[in-house]
Amino acid sequence: MRAMPKVRLEELSARSLGVIEQASLEFAEGFCVLTGETGAGKTLLLGALELCLGGDGTQSRHGVNAETRASVVFSSGGQETVLSREASASGRLRASLNGLASNAEALRNAAESLIVIHGQHDSLALRSKQEILRLIDTYGSIDMTRFEEISRKVSELIKIRDSVGGDEAGRQRELDFLKFQLDEISHARITDSEELTTTLQELQNLTEARDGQAAVIEVVNLIDESENSVLDQFASAIARLPQSDSYSAVSKSLRQVLDVAREATRDLAAMADPDAFDPEKLDLLEARVSDLQSLVRKYGPDLGSVIHFGLNLESEVRSRESALQQLATVDSDLQALEAERAVEASKLLAKRTESAHLLTAAVAGQLERVALPHATVRFNVSGEAGSIAEVLFAPNPGQPEGPLQSLASGGELSRVLLAISLETSNSDQVAVFDEVDAGIGGQVAQQIGDCLSEVGERQQVLAVTHLASVAAKANQHFVIEKVVDEGRTITTVREVSGDSRVREIARMLAGEINDASLGLAQHLLQDR
């Protein structure tokens, strides 16, 4: 009984793409094929798929016009994912994901886990070394959980260590300097952001009072209380006036003025109150203003900035103190974890090496089935925990092996990927094989068809083929045809079954439909 694929390509549609006027394919489970004469539009249809998966459409770019639109629908776990590309009037391709405007990168990310395309000259599966590792890990049931957990803890400890930077003495010096700055601001006990302004105003008022008192005392001394004061000189001048009656009135008036001046001076002296201002308070205010202005110069353009800087310092000091407390054990913990990580890495390398060896042997058993009886394929892992993976290939005995994608021809690459799929088929992905049967025929073609059908029992498979022996093995068959209608060449796509499928297989066998080709086609279809 065939296992149900977890991911399915439900539908592929394309409109106004080269000779494809309108095409819509609804796919069934299992193994599906697309056939048609050379030039009918199979490449364009795969190009439409490539566009929807976020590709640049190299297979179909020449066919894009202002009305081009392509979309695919995947289903997985009861959920649908719709990927679309649509051309603007300028020819620029717009992307949408589940009906919402998106970009090509988002389509590629969404499609990565849904579908794998094995082309004659490239394979999305082998572009990523992580995908090769996934194959090896899955085949060997390798659990990365413990290694990943240790690696995460190592990263966290390194992050803690690096967050404060420098050596232990340097970190302590930095913390001491931060504490010095914090203490300087904290000890100032700033009341609010306006304290400097209000203190300056109070200092100005008290300074004015002090300066006023000094001026009063100076004036009193100058007028009356100092030696040779103004009033003493005035009195001496009056005393020099003649004592005759003719000057008596003037002398009397001047003496009256002198008396009034002395009285006024005594009143002024009484205003010189030494308790009118507090010199100690004045000193305190001057010191406070000096301290606050010093903080402003060091830590901010105004007192509000100083307060904010102090709050940040407090948080930074707490953070660094906490980090330093953790650092007391970080080095020893890190050393222990790295040692454990090295042990786990060694175990993983051994497990991946063993899994790669077993997978190599398993795939080797499939190579004859895919018409590569003399080739060798080897999975190789290296690096820490076996994190570097590659697939090495040699087409014939005695030839040096090298990277699969560099040494394999188009047909060889497709068939190697089919051999790998026979051992590692993934129900979580749809597999597409583009002309995997290139350059083969006869009994080998039937073997390729059997292999594709076998993979289709575990995951949905879509293949483009020119061979009837391969097409006859499929569960579902689409024919791509090119027709001329009123002087216009257009491509149509139709699903064939029953007699129409027999006729298509017959055409593929003989190039024409006759009794012999029909009979052979029926035999192929009954034999699947």
Protein backbone atom coordinates (compact mmCIF):
# COMPACT_ATOMS: atom_id res chain seq x y z
CA MET A 1 0.00 0.00 0.00
CA ARG A 2 1.43 3.34 -1.08
CA ALA A 3 2.18 5.89 1.68
CA MET A 4 0.40 9.18 1.31
CA PRO A 5 2.81 12.01 0.39
CA LYS A 6 2.74 14.80 2.93
CA VAL A 7 3.30 17.46 0.26
CA ARG A 8 1.57 17.58 -3.12
CA LEU A 9 1.76 19.81 -6.14
CA GLU A 10 -1.96 20.31 -6.73
CA GLU A 11 -1.99 22.64 -9.72
CA LEU A 12 0.27 24.43 -12.20
CA SER A 13 -1.18 27.08 -14.47
CA ALA A 14 0.36 29.39 -17.04
CA ARG A 15 -1.11 32.08 -19.25
CA SER A 16 0.39 33.95 -22.18
CA LEU A 17 3.88 32.49 -21.86
CA GLY A 18 5.46 32.09 -25.28
CA VAL A 19 3.32 29.69 -27.28
CA ILE A 20 1.36 28.73 -24.14
CA GLU A 21 -1.88 30.68 -24.39
CA GLN A 22 -3.57 29.03 -21.44
CA ALA A 23 -2.60 25.87 -19.59
CA SER A 24 -3.80 24.40 -16.32
CA LEU A 25 -2.66 21.06 -14.92
CA GLU A 26 -4.19 19.41 -11.84
CA PHE A 27 -1.87 16.71 -10.56
CA ALA A 28 -2.73 13.42 -8.89
CA GLU A 29 -0.66 11.51 -6.35
CA GLY A 30 2.23 9.29 -7.30
CA PHE A 31 4.11 9.41 -10.60
CA CYS A 32 2.96 11.97 -13.20
CA VAL A 33 4.50 12.50 -16.64
CA LEU A 34 4.49 15.24 -19.25
CA THR A 35 5.11 14.20 -22.86
CA GLY A 36 5.01 15.89 -26.21
CA GLU A 37 6.96 16.42 -29.39
CA THR A 38 10.18 18.41 -29.30
CA GLY A 39 9.36 22.13 -29.34
CA ALA A 40 5.81 21.63 -28.13
CA GLY A 41 6.38 23.69 -24.98
CA LYS A 42 7.50 21.32 -22.23
CA THR A 43 10.48 23.57 -21.47
CA LEU A 44 8.18 26.59 -21.27
CA LEU A 45 5.91 24.77 -18.84
CA LEU A 46 8.85 23.91 -16.58
CA GLY A 47 9.95 27.53 -16.98
CA ALA A 48 6.56 28.62 -15.65
CA LEU A 49 7.14 26.35 -12.65
CA GLU A 50 10.61 27.84 -12.19
CA LEU A 51 9.17 31.38 -12.24
CA CYS A 52 6.66 30.50 -9.53
CA LEU A 53 9.43 29.06 -7.36
CA GLY A 54 11.22 32.41 -7.42
CA GLY A 55 13.66 31.61 -10.24
CA ASP A 56 14.79 34.04 -12.90
CA GLY A 57 12.92 32.12 -15.58
CA THR A 58 15.92 31.37 -17.78
CA GLN A 59 13.94 28.60 -19.49
CA SER A 60 11.02 30.89 -20.29
CA ARG A 61 12.21 34.50 -20.15
CA HIS A 62 11.96 34.92 -23.90
CA GLY A 63 8.29 34.01 -23.68
CA VAL A 64 7.33 36.57 -21.02
CA ASN A 65 5.05 39.41 -22.13
CA ALA A 66 2.79 41.98 -20.48
CA GLU A 67 0.00 39.39 -20.01
CA THR A 68 2.12 36.55 -18.63
CA ARG A 69 0.94 34.94 -15.42
CA ALA A 70 1.97 31.67 -13.77
CA SER A 71 0.98 30.08 -10.47
CA VAL A 72 1.38 26.84 -8.54
CA VAL A 73 -0.63 25.44 -5.65
CA PHE A 74 0.90 23.10 -3.07
CA SER A 75 -0.95 21.30 -0.29
CA SER A 76 0.63 20.17 2.96
CA GLY A 77 -1.11 19.07 6.12
CA GLY A 78 -4.44 20.48 4.98
CA GLN A 79 -2.87 23.86 4.19
CA GLU A 80 -2.47 25.35 0.73
CA THR A 81 0.46 27.46 -0.44
CA VAL A 82 0.01 29.52 -3.61
CA LEU A 83 3.07 30.94 -5.38
CA SER A 84 2.54 33.31 -8.32
CA ARG A 85 4.46 35.50 -10.75
CA GLU A 86 2.84 38.06 -13.03
CA ALA A 87 4.42 40.37 -15.60
CA SER A 88 3.80 44.10 -15.59
CA ALA A 89 3.41 46.21 -18.72
CA SER A 90 7.17 46.83 -18.66
CA GLY A 91 7.92 43.12 -18.46
CA ARG A 92 8.95 43.24 -14.80
CA LEU A 93 7.85 40.16 -12.86
CA ARG A 94 5.82 40.73 -9.72
CA ALA A 95 5.58 38.01 -7.06
CA SER A 96 2.78 37.05 -4.72
CA LEU A 97 2.61 34.51 -1.90
CA ASN A 98 -0.85 33.26 -0.92
CA GLY A 99 -2.40 36.20 -2.74
CA LEU A 100 -0.29 38.86 -1.01
CA ALA A 101 2.36 40.97 -2.74
CA SER A 102 5.80 39.49 -2.10
CA ASN A 103 9.18 39.06 -3.79
CA ALA A 104 11.19 36.35 -5.51
CA GLU A 105 13.29 35.66 -2.42
CA ALA A 106 10.17 34.93 -0.35
CA LEU A 107 8.93 32.53 -3.06
CA ARG A 108 12.29 30.71 -3.06
CA ASN A 109 12.20 30.38 0.72
CA ALA A 110 8.62 29.07 0.69
CA ALA A 111 9.34 26.60 -2.13
CA GLU A 112 12.59 25.27 -0.69
CA SER A 113 10.88 22.82 1.63
CA LEU A 114 8.10 21.91 -0.82
CA ILE A 115 9.76 20.87 -4.07
CA VAL A 116 13.09 19.72 -5.47
CA ILE A 117 13.90 19.98 -9.18
CA HIS A 118 16.43 17.63 -10.78
CA GLY A 119 17.37 19.09 -14.12
CA GLN A 120 19.81 17.78 -16.68
CA HIS A 121 22.40 20.42 -15.85
CA ASP A 122 21.58 21.45 -12.31
CA SER A 123 19.94 20.31 -9.12
CA LEU A 124 18.57 22.61 -6.48
CA ALA A 125 19.07 19.76 -4.01
CA LEU A 126 22.82 19.66 -4.55
CA ARG A 127 23.42 23.40 -4.51
CA SER A 128 23.13 23.28 -0.74
CA LYS A 129 25.61 21.26 1.29
CA GLN A 130 23.00 21.38 4.05
CA GLU A 131 20.64 19.38 1.84
CA ILE A 132 23.31 16.71 1.31
CA LEU A 133 23.84 16.61 5.08
CA ARG A 134 20.10 16.29 5.56
CA LEU A 135 20.09 13.24 3.29
CA ILE A 136 22.96 11.67 5.24
CA ASP A 137 21.44 12.48 8.64
CA THR A 138 18.01 11.22 7.65
CA TYR A 139 19.41 8.02 6.18
CA GLY A 140 21.42 7.34 9.33
CA SER A 141 18.71 8.56 11.75
CA ILE A 142 21.29 10.93 13.22
CA ASP A 143 20.08 13.11 16.06
CA MET A 144 21.73 16.54 16.24
CA THR A 145 19.80 17.69 19.31
CA ARG A 146 22.55 17.31 21.92
CA PHE A 147 25.27 18.83 19.74
CA GLU A 148 23.06 21.79 18.83
CA GLU A 149 22.11 22.30 22.49
CA ILE A 150 25.77 22.35 23.57
CA SER A 151 26.68 24.65 20.67
CA ARG A 152 23.90 27.05 21.70
CA LYS A 153 25.17 27.14 25.30
CA VAL A 154 28.75 27.72 24.10
CA SER A 155 27.53 30.63 21.95
CA GLU A 156 25.63 32.12 24.90
CA LEU A 157 28.68 31.93 27.18
CA ILE A 158 30.93 33.45 24.52
CA LYS A 159 28.38 36.23 24.09
CA ILE A 160 28.44 36.91 27.85
CA ARG A 161 32.23 36.94 27.85
CA ASP A 162 32.44 39.22 24.82
CA SER A 163 29.71 41.58 26.03
CA VAL A 164 32.08 43.24 28.49
CA GLY A 165 35.22 42.79 26.39
CA GLY A 166 38.91 42.94 27.33
CA ASP A 167 40.82 40.89 29.86
CA GLU A 168 39.74 40.51 33.49
CA ALA A 169 41.88 43.45 34.72
CA GLY A 170 40.65 45.66 31.89
CA ARG A 171 37.01 44.77 32.58
CA GLN A 172 37.49 45.63 36.26
CA ARG A 173 39.13 48.96 35.40
CA GLU A 174 36.22 49.85 33.13
CA LEU A 175 33.74 48.95 35.86
CA ASP A 176 35.66 51.00 38.44
CA PHE A 177 35.60 54.02 36.13
CA LEU A 178 31.85 53.65 35.57
CA LYS A 179 31.34 53.41 39.34
CA PHE A 180 33.47 56.54 39.84
CA GLN A 181 31.28 58.46 37.40
CA LEU A 182 28.11 57.10 39.01
CA ASP A 183 29.35 57.99 42.50
CA GLU A 184 30.20 61.51 41.37
CA ILE A 185 26.69 62.04 40.05
CA SER A 186 24.98 60.21 42.92
CA HIS A 187 26.87 62.10 45.63
CA ALA A 188 25.79 65.38 44.06
CA ARG A 189 22.20 64.47 45.01
CA ILE A 190 20.70 66.58 42.24
CA THR A 191 17.14 67.50 43.20
CA ASP A 192 15.81 68.13 39.71
CA SER A 193 16.82 69.32 36.26
CA GLU A 194 16.25 73.01 37.24
CA GLU A 195 18.42 72.98 40.37
CA LEU A 196 21.34 74.77 38.71
CA THR A 197 19.09 77.57 37.48
CA THR A 198 17.43 78.10 40.86
CA THR A 199 20.73 77.92 42.74
CA LEU A 200 22.30 80.49 40.41
CA GLN A 201 19.36 82.84 41.00
CA GLU A 202 19.62 82.44 44.78
CA LEU A 203 23.37 83.04 44.62
CA GLN A 204 22.80 86.18 42.56
CA ASN A 205 20.28 87.52 45.07
CA LEU A 206 22.55 86.86 48.06
CA THR A 207 25.56 88.32 46.26
CA GLU A 208 23.61 91.49 45.53
CA ALA A 209 22.64 91.74 49.22
CA ARG A 210 26.25 91.28 50.29
CA ASP A 211 27.52 93.82 47.80
CA GLY A 212 24.83 96.32 48.96
CA GLN A 213 25.91 96.06 52.59
CA ALA A 214 29.53 96.64 51.67
CA ALA A 215 28.58 99.73 49.71
CA VAL A 216 26.59 101.17 52.68
CA ILE A 217 29.49 100.69 55.10
CA GLU A 218 31.91 102.23 52.64
CA VAL A 219 29.67 105.29 52.17
CA VAL A 220 29.19 105.75 55.95
CA ASN A 221 32.94 105.57 56.54
CA LEU A 222 33.63 107.97 53.71
CA ILE A 223 31.07 110.54 54.86
CA ASP A 224 31.38 110.51 58.62
CA GLU A 225 33.32 107.74 60.37
CA SER A 226 36.70 107.65 58.74
CA GLU A 227 39.58 109.92 59.51
CA ASN A 228 39.27 113.17 57.58
CA SER A 229 35.71 112.20 56.50
CA VAL A 230 33.57 114.38 54.31
CA LEU A 231 31.50 115.72 57.19
CA ASP A 232 34.61 116.41 59.29
CA GLN A 233 36.01 118.45 56.43
CA PHE A 234 32.63 120.17 56.03
CA ALA A 235 32.61 121.02 59.75
CA SER A 236 36.20 122.30 59.54
CA ALA A 237 35.27 124.47 56.62
CA ILE A 238 32.31 125.99 58.52
CA ALA A 239 34.53 126.66 61.50
CA ARG A 240 36.80 128.79 59.30
CA LEU A 241 34.04 131.23 58.49
CA PRO A 242 34.40 134.66 60.10
CA GLN A 243 32.47 135.10 63.38
CA SER A 244 31.00 138.40 62.44
CA ASP A 245 27.28 139.04 62.43
CA SER A 246 27.26 139.35 58.67
CA TYR A 247 28.18 135.63 58.34
CA SER A 248 26.13 134.35 61.26
CA ALA A 249 23.04 133.52 59.17
CA VAL A 250 25.06 131.64 56.58
CA SER A 251 27.08 129.85 59.25
CA LYS A 252 23.88 128.85 61.02
CA SER A 253 22.39 127.45 57.81
CA LEU A 254 25.51 125.47 57.06
CA ARG A 255 25.57 124.04 60.58
CA GLN A 256 21.97 123.01 60.15
CA VAL A 257 22.94 121.24 56.91
CA LEU A 258 25.79 119.54 58.74
CA ASP A 259 23.43 118.35 61.46
CA VAL A 260 20.98 117.00 58.87
CA ALA A 261 23.82 115.22 57.06
CA ARG A 262 25.12 113.67 60.27
CA GLU A 263 21.59 112.47 61.13
CA ALA A 264 21.15 110.99 57.67
CA THR A 265 24.51 109.27 57.93
CA ARG A 266 23.55 107.77 61.29
CA ASP A 267 20.34 106.48 59.67
CA LEU A 268 22.39 105.02 56.83
CA ALA A 269 24.80 103.39 59.31
CA ALA A 270 21.84 101.79 61.05
CA MET A 271 20.93 100.12 57.74
CA ALA A 272 24.31 98.36 57.60
CA ASP A 273 23.05 95.15 59.32
CA PRO A 274 25.78 92.48 59.46
CA ASP A 275 23.03 89.84 59.83
CA ALA A 276 21.30 90.88 56.58
CA PHE A 277 23.10 88.02 54.71
CA ASP A 278 24.80 84.73 55.68
CA PRO A 279 28.40 84.54 54.37
CA GLU A 280 28.49 80.79 55.04
CA LYS A 281 25.38 80.25 52.97
CA LEU A 282 26.94 82.31 50.22
CA ASP A 283 29.98 80.02 50.26
CA LEU A 284 27.74 76.94 50.15
CA LEU A 285 25.80 78.30 47.19
CA GLU A 286 28.98 79.13 45.30
CA ALA A 287 30.34 75.61 45.95
CA ARG A 288 27.03 74.03 44.84
CA VAL A 289 26.97 76.01 41.61
CA SER A 290 30.59 75.04 40.93
CA ASP A 291 29.82 71.32 41.51
CA LEU A 292 26.74 71.35 39.30
CA GLN A 293 28.50 73.22 36.51
CA SER A 294 31.37 70.72 36.67
CA LEU A 295 28.89 67.84 36.22
CA VAL A 296 27.30 69.59 33.27
CA ARG A 297 30.69 70.06 31.61
CA LYS A 298 31.52 66.37 32.06
CA TYR A 299 28.25 64.59 31.42
CA GLY A 300 25.88 66.70 29.43
CA PRO A 301 24.82 70.03 28.02
CA ASP A 302 22.37 70.56 30.88
CA LEU A 303 21.45 69.12 34.26
CA GLY A 304 18.62 67.02 32.80
CA SER A 305 21.16 65.25 30.59
CA VAL A 306 23.36 64.64 33.63
CA ILE A 307 20.45 62.99 35.46
CA HIS A 308 19.69 60.80 32.40
CA PHE A 309 23.36 59.88 32.06
CA GLY A 310 23.43 58.86 35.70
CA LEU A 311 20.43 56.57 35.25
CA ASN A 312 22.12 54.91 32.27
CA LEU A 313 25.29 54.53 34.29
CA GLU A 314 23.37 52.84 37.07
CA SER A 315 21.92 50.33 34.63
CA GLU A 316 25.30 49.73 32.96
CA VAL A 317 27.03 49.18 36.29
CA ARG A 318 24.39 46.65 37.34
CA SER A 319 24.71 44.87 34.00
CA ARG A 320 28.49 44.73 34.17
CA GLU A 321 28.50 43.61 37.78
CA SER A 322 26.10 40.80 36.85
CA ALA A 323 28.25 39.89 33.86
CA LEU A 324 31.39 39.87 35.98
CA GLN A 325 29.69 37.61 38.52
CA GLN A 326 28.78 35.25 35.70
CA LEU A 327 32.26 35.54 34.26
CA ALA A 328 33.61 34.15 37.50
CA THR A 329 32.43 30.75 36.28
CA VAL A 330 32.15 31.37 32.53
CA ASP A 331 35.68 30.37 31.66
CA SER A 332 35.48 27.07 33.50
CA ASP A 333 31.95 26.38 32.22
CA LEU A 334 33.00 27.27 28.69
CA GLN A 335 36.03 25.03 28.86
CA ALA A 336 33.89 22.12 30.07
CA LEU A 337 31.23 22.71 27.39
CA GLU A 338 33.77 23.01 24.61
CA ALA A 339 35.33 19.74 25.72
CA GLU A 340 31.88 18.10 25.70
CA ARG A 341 31.15 19.68 22.32
CA ALA A 342 34.39 18.24 20.92
CA VAL A 343 33.34 14.78 22.13
CA GLU A 344 29.88 15.15 20.55
CA ALA A 345 31.46 16.48 17.34
CA SER A 346 33.69 13.45 17.17
CA LYS A 347 30.70 11.14 17.67
CA LEU A 348 28.73 12.99 14.98
CA LEU A 349 31.63 12.79 12.53
CA ALA A 350 31.81 9.05 13.12
CA LYS A 351 28.03 8.61 12.73
CA ARG A 352 27.88 10.75 9.60
CA THR A 353 30.88 8.97 8.12
CA GLU A 354 29.15 5.63 8.74
CA SER A 355 25.84 6.93 7.34
CA ALA A 356 27.62 8.34 4.27
CA HIS A 357 29.31 4.95 3.76
CA LEU A 358 26.00 3.09 4.04
CA LEU A 359 24.21 5.53 1.74
CA THR A 360 27.06 5.23 -0.77
CA ALA A 361 26.64 1.45 -0.75
CA ALA A 362 22.85 1.72 -1.06
CA VAL A 363 23.00 4.14 -3.99
CA ALA A 364 25.65 1.97 -5.64
CA GLY A 365 23.07 -0.82 -5.67
CA GLN A 366 20.73 1.40 -7.69
CA LEU A 367 23.21 2.66 -10.29
CA GLU A 368 22.74 -0.26 -12.67
CA ARG A 369 18.98 0.27 -12.56
CA VAL A 370 19.47 3.85 -13.76
CA ALA A 371 21.84 2.90 -16.59
CA LEU A 372 25.07 3.78 -14.80
CA PRO A 373 26.55 0.32 -14.21
CA HIS A 374 30.17 1.45 -14.33
CA ALA A 375 29.86 4.72 -12.43
CA THR A 376 30.61 5.31 -8.78
CA VAL A 377 28.89 7.76 -6.44
CA ARG A 378 30.33 8.47 -3.03
CA PHE A 379 28.99 10.58 -0.18
CA ASN A 380 31.81 12.20 1.77
CA VAL A 381 31.78 14.15 5.03
CA SER A 382 34.54 16.12 6.73
CA GLY A 383 35.08 19.05 9.05
CA GLU A 384 33.87 19.53 12.61
CA ALA A 385 31.01 17.15 13.38
CA GLY A 386 31.06 16.14 9.71
CA SER A 387 29.47 19.47 8.79
CA ILE A 388 31.00 19.57 5.29
CA ALA A 389 29.32 17.20 2.86
CA GLU A 390 29.73 16.50 -0.84
CA VAL A 391 28.75 13.96 -3.46
CA LEU A 392 31.69 12.65 -5.50
CA PHE A 393 31.27 10.95 -8.89
CA ALA A 394 33.35 8.95 -11.35
CA PRO A 395 31.61 7.98 -14.62
CA ASN A 396 33.89 5.03 -15.40
CA PRO A 397 36.37 2.74 -13.62
CA GLY A 398 39.86 4.15 -13.42
CA GLN A 399 38.73 7.75 -13.83
CA PRO A 400 39.34 10.14 -10.91
CA GLU A 401 36.30 11.09 -8.91
CA GLY A 402 35.21 14.67 -8.43
CA PRO A 403 32.15 16.77 -7.55
CA LEU A 404 29.03 15.23 -9.08
CA GLN A 405 27.76 18.42 -10.71
CA SER A 406 31.16 19.10 -12.28
CA LEU A 407 31.85 15.65 -13.76
CA ALA A 408 28.41 14.23 -14.61
CA SER A 409 26.77 14.93 -17.95
CA GLY A 410 23.20 16.15 -18.01
CA GLY A 411 21.71 12.68 -18.36
CA GLU A 412 24.13 11.18 -15.84
CA LEU A 413 23.29 13.85 -13.27
CA SER A 414 19.56 13.24 -13.59
CA ARG A 415 19.98 9.48 -13.28
CA VAL A 416 22.33 9.75 -10.27
CA LEU A 417 19.72 11.92 -8.58
CA LEU A 418 17.09 9.31 -9.39
CA ALA A 419 19.29 6.60 -7.82
CA ILE A 420 19.70 8.77 -4.72
CA SER A 421 15.93 9.38 -4.63
CA LEU A 422 15.30 5.64 -4.65
CA GLU A 423 17.12 5.44 -1.31
CA THR A 424 16.20 8.79 0.22
CA SER A 425 12.76 9.72 -1.16
CA ASN A 426 11.10 12.35 0.99
CA SER A 427 7.34 12.51 1.36
CA ASP A 428 7.73 16.11 2.53
CA GLN A 429 8.81 17.22 -0.96
CA VAL A 430 7.61 16.97 -4.53
CA ALA A 431 10.34 15.72 -6.91
CA VAL A 432 10.61 16.94 -10.51
CA PHE A 433 12.83 15.09 -13.02
CA ASP A 434 13.53 16.88 -16.30
CA GLU A 435 14.30 14.37 -19.11
CA VAL A 436 15.94 11.87 -16.78
CA ASP A 437 15.78 9.41 -19.67
CA ALA A 438 17.94 11.45 -22.07
CA GLY A 439 20.28 9.26 -24.14
CA ILE A 440 18.80 5.90 -23.16
CA GLY A 441 16.23 3.51 -24.58
CA GLY A 442 14.99 -0.06 -24.70
CA GLN A 443 15.12 -2.12 -21.54
CA VAL A 444 17.02 0.63 -19.68
CA ALA A 445 14.14 3.03 -20.33
CA GLN A 446 11.72 0.59 -18.75
CA GLN A 447 14.04 0.37 -15.73
CA ILE A 448 14.02 4.18 -15.41
CA GLY A 449 10.24 4.12 -15.58
CA ASP A 450 10.12 1.49 -12.86
CA CYS A 451 12.45 3.57 -10.70
CA LEU A 452 10.35 6.72 -11.10
CA SER A 453 7.22 4.75 -10.30
CA GLU A 454 8.89 3.31 -7.20
CA VAL A 455 9.89 6.78 -5.97
CA GLY A 456 6.33 7.90 -6.71
CA GLU A 457 5.04 5.41 -4.14
CA ARG A 458 6.68 7.49 -1.39
CA GLN A 459 6.51 11.02 -2.76
CA GLN A 460 4.80 12.80 -5.62
CA VAL A 461 6.98 12.71 -8.76
CA LEU A 462 6.64 14.81 -11.89
CA ALA A 463 8.79 13.84 -14.89
CA VAL A 464 9.26 15.15 -18.41
CA THR A 465 10.02 12.32 -20.82
CA HIS A 466 10.30 11.47 -24.52
CA LEU A 467 10.20 7.71 -23.96
CA ALA A 468 7.03 5.65 -24.08
CA SER A 469 8.53 3.02 -21.76
CA VAL A 470 8.86 5.68 -19.06
CA ALA A 471 5.53 7.40 -19.72
CA ALA A 472 3.66 4.08 -19.57
CA LYS A 473 4.73 3.59 -15.94
CA ALA A 474 3.06 6.80 -14.73
CA ASN A 475 -0.15 7.08 -12.73
CA GLN A 476 -1.09 10.26 -14.59
CA HIS A 477 -0.20 11.44 -18.08
CA PHE A 478 -0.32 14.92 -19.62
CA VAL A 479 0.35 15.64 -23.29
CA ILE A 480 1.68 18.97 -24.46
CA GLU A 481 0.78 19.67 -28.09
CA LYS A 482 1.59 22.48 -30.48
CA VAL A 483 -1.12 23.40 -32.98
CA VAL A 484 -1.57 26.11 -35.61
CA ASP A 485 -4.90 27.91 -35.36
CA GLU A 486 -5.72 30.62 -37.92
CA GLY A 487 -2.06 31.30 -38.53
CA ARG A 488 -1.16 31.35 -34.83
CA THR A 489 0.97 28.69 -33.12
CA ILE A 490 -0.29 27.80 -29.67
CA THR A 491 0.42 25.06 -27.15
CA THR A 492 -2.29 23.12 -25.38
CA VAL A 493 -2.06 20.72 -22.46
CA ARG A 494 -4.48 17.85 -21.90
CA GLU A 495 -4.61 14.89 -19.59
CA VAL A 496 -4.90 11.58 -21.40
CA SER A 497 -6.33 8.30 -20.16
CA GLY A 498 -7.94 5.24 -21.65
CA ASP A 499 -7.80 5.10 -25.46
CA SER A 500 -6.32 8.60 -25.76
CA ARG A 501 -3.39 7.54 -23.60
CA VAL A 502 -2.89 4.38 -25.64
CA ARG A 503 -2.74 6.52 -28.79
CA GLU A 504 -0.18 8.90 -27.20
CA ILE A 505 2.05 6.01 -26.10
CA ALA A 506 1.75 4.56 -29.60
CA ARG A 507 2.80 7.90 -31.13
CA MET A 508 5.80 8.03 -28.80
CA LEU A 509 6.78 4.48 -29.79
CA ALA A 510 6.57 4.71 -33.56
CA GLY A 511 6.06 8.35 -34.47
CA GLU A 512 2.74 7.29 -36.00
CA ILE A 513 -0.35 5.49 -34.85
CA ASN A 514 -1.00 2.09 -36.40
CA ASP A 515 -2.10 -1.34 -35.29
CA ALA A 516 1.42 -2.41 -34.34
CA SER A 517 2.18 0.66 -32.27
CA LEU A 518 -1.24 0.55 -30.64
CA GLY A 519 -0.74 -3.08 -29.69
CA LEU A 520 2.68 -2.41 -28.20
CA ALA A 521 1.31 0.63 -26.35
CA GLN A 522 -1.45 -1.47 -24.79
CA HIS A 523 1.13 -4.04 -23.75
CA LEU A 524 3.30 -1.41 -22.07
CA LEU A 525 0.34 0.04 -20.19
CA GLN A 526 -0.86 -3.38 -19.03
CA ASP A 527 2.65 -4.28 -17.88
CA ARG A 528 3.04 -1.36 -15.49
